[in-house]
Amino acid sequence: MSKDEFASIKVVYPPKQILQEFHNKVVAIFDNIKNNIDEINALTKQRDELLPLLMNGQAMVNYDLADD
């Protein structure tokens, strides 16, 4: 596909009001996704720091504190 062919493609844009309504609905979803990614990264870092300590006995898990 040439640059001219690509430039000739017509793109339909919805009215600004519809774009704004869509944005208002999805912005919270994307904020939640970003927060989840940040939490996953923090938990992964904690896991990577604690796992070696657990494996070589420098840290222990208190199983008696777990809810059964």
C-alpha atoms as a PDB file:
ATOM      1  CA  MET A   1       0.000   0.000   0.000  1.00  0.00           C
ATOM      2  CA  SER A   2       1.445   3.326  -0.998  1.00  0.00           C
ATOM      3  CA  LYS A   3       1.354   6.534   0.987  1.00  0.00           C
ATOM      4  CA  ASP A   4      -1.219   7.995  -1.410  1.00  0.00           C
ATOM      5  CA  GLU A   5      -3.462   4.932  -1.123  1.00  0.00           C
ATOM      6  CA  PHE A   6      -3.217   5.065   2.633  1.00  0.00           C
ATOM      7  CA  ALA A   7      -3.990   8.790   2.679  1.00  0.00           C
ATOM      8  CA  SER A   8      -7.081   8.225   0.551  1.00  0.00           C
ATOM      9  CA  ILE A   9      -8.704   5.949   3.133  1.00  0.00           C
ATOM     10  CA  LYS A  10     -11.685   7.679   4.663  1.00  0.00           C
ATOM     11  CA  VAL A  11     -12.043   7.479   8.431  1.00  0.00           C
ATOM     12  CA  VAL A  12     -15.327   8.201  10.143  1.00  0.00           C
ATOM     13  CA  TYR A  13     -15.111   9.957  13.488  1.00  0.00           C
ATOM     14  CA  PRO A  14     -18.057  10.057  15.872  1.00  0.00           C
ATOM     15  CA  PRO A  15     -19.272  13.414  17.157  1.00  0.00           C
ATOM     16  CA  LYS A  16     -17.276  14.940  20.010  1.00  0.00           C
ATOM     17  CA  GLN A  17     -20.136  14.381  22.463  1.00  0.00           C
ATOM     18  CA  ILE A  18     -20.079  10.630  21.807  1.00  0.00           C
ATOM     19  CA  LEU A  19     -16.292  10.540  22.116  1.00  0.00           C
ATOM     20  CA  GLN A  20     -16.527  12.369  25.446  1.00  0.00           C
ATOM     21  CA  GLU A  21     -19.223   9.992  26.734  1.00  0.00           C
ATOM     22  CA  PHE A  22     -17.091   7.016  25.721  1.00  0.00           C
ATOM     23  CA  HIS A  23     -14.070   8.533  27.442  1.00  0.00           C
ATOM     24  CA  ASN A  24     -16.084   9.164  30.612  1.00  0.00           C
ATOM     25  CA  LYS A  25     -17.149   5.518  30.713  1.00  0.00           C
ATOM     26  CA  VAL A  26     -13.778   3.912  30.010  1.00  0.00           C
ATOM     27  CA  VAL A  27     -11.431   6.211  31.937  1.00  0.00           C
ATOM     28  CA  ALA A  28     -12.309   4.499  35.239  1.00  0.00           C
ATOM     29  CA  ILE A  29     -11.678   1.089  33.691  1.00  0.00           C
ATOM     30  CA  PHE A  30      -8.238   2.129  32.458  1.00  0.00           C
ATOM     31  CA  ASP A  31      -7.443   3.655  35.856  1.00  0.00           C
ATOM     32  CA  ASN A  32      -8.306   0.326  37.483  1.00  0.00           C
ATOM     33  CA  ILE A  33      -6.117  -1.513  34.990  1.00  0.00           C
ATOM     34  CA  LYS A  34      -3.196   0.826  35.749  1.00  0.00           C
ATOM     35  CA  ASN A  35      -3.699   0.376  39.500  1.00  0.00           C
ATOM     36  CA  ASN A  36      -3.808  -3.408  39.064  1.00  0.00           C
ATOM     37  CA  ILE A  37      -0.587  -3.352  37.055  1.00  0.00           C
ATOM     38  CA  ASP A  38       1.107  -1.245  39.738  1.00  0.00           C
ATOM     39  CA  GLU A  39      -0.079  -3.650  42.452  1.00  0.00           C
ATOM     40  CA  ILE A  40       1.075  -6.676  40.465  1.00  0.00           C
ATOM     41  CA  ASN A  41       4.508  -5.095  40.039  1.00  0.00           C
ATOM     42  CA  ALA A  42       4.767  -4.335  43.771  1.00  0.00           C
ATOM     43  CA  LEU A  43       3.684  -7.860  44.729  1.00  0.00           C
ATOM     44  CA  THR A  44       6.090  -9.397  42.210  1.00  0.00           C
ATOM     45  CA  LYS A  45       8.934  -7.368  43.717  1.00  0.00           C
ATOM     46  CA  GLN A  46       8.002  -8.528  47.230  1.00  0.00           C
ATOM     47  CA  ARG A  47       7.806 -12.129  46.050  1.00  0.00           C
ATOM     48  CA  ASP A  48      11.191 -11.913  44.363  1.00  0.00           C
ATOM     49  CA  GLU A  49      12.728 -10.473  47.529  1.00  0.00           C
ATOM     50  CA  LEU A  50      11.092 -12.928  49.953  1.00  0.00           C
ATOM     51  CA  LEU A  51      11.282 -16.188  48.016  1.00  0.00           C
ATOM     52  CA  PRO A  52      15.074 -16.595  48.303  1.00  0.00           C
ATOM     53  CA  LEU A  53      14.851 -15.922  52.052  1.00  0.00           C
ATOM     54  CA  LEU A  54      12.153 -18.579  52.433  1.00  0.00           C
ATOM     55  CA  MET A  55      14.090 -21.079  50.344  1.00  0.00           C
ATOM     56  CA  ASN A  56      17.295 -20.828  52.388  1.00  0.00           C
ATOM     57  CA  GLY A  57      15.552 -20.705  55.774  1.00  0.00           C
ATOM     58  CA  GLN A  58      16.241 -17.057  56.614  1.00  0.00           C
ATOM     59  CA  ALA A  59      12.490 -16.409  56.823  1.00  0.00           C
ATOM     60  CA  MET A  60       9.562 -18.531  57.921  1.00  0.00           C
ATOM     61  CA  VAL A  61       5.821 -18.522  57.301  1.00  0.00           C
ATOM     62  CA  ASN A  62       3.522 -18.575  60.325  1.00  0.00           C
ATOM     63  CA  TYR A  63       0.986 -21.180  59.274  1.00  0.00           C
ATOM     64  CA  ASP A  64      -0.791 -20.910  62.639  1.00  0.00           C
ATOM     65  CA  LEU A  65      -1.918 -17.376  61.693  1.00  0.00           C
ATOM     66  CA  ALA A  66      -3.695 -18.542  58.538  1.00  0.00           C
ATOM     67  CA  ASP A  67      -7.508 -18.837  58.507  1.00  0.00           C
ATOM     68  CA  ASP A  68      -8.701 -22.378  57.836  1.00  0.00           C
END
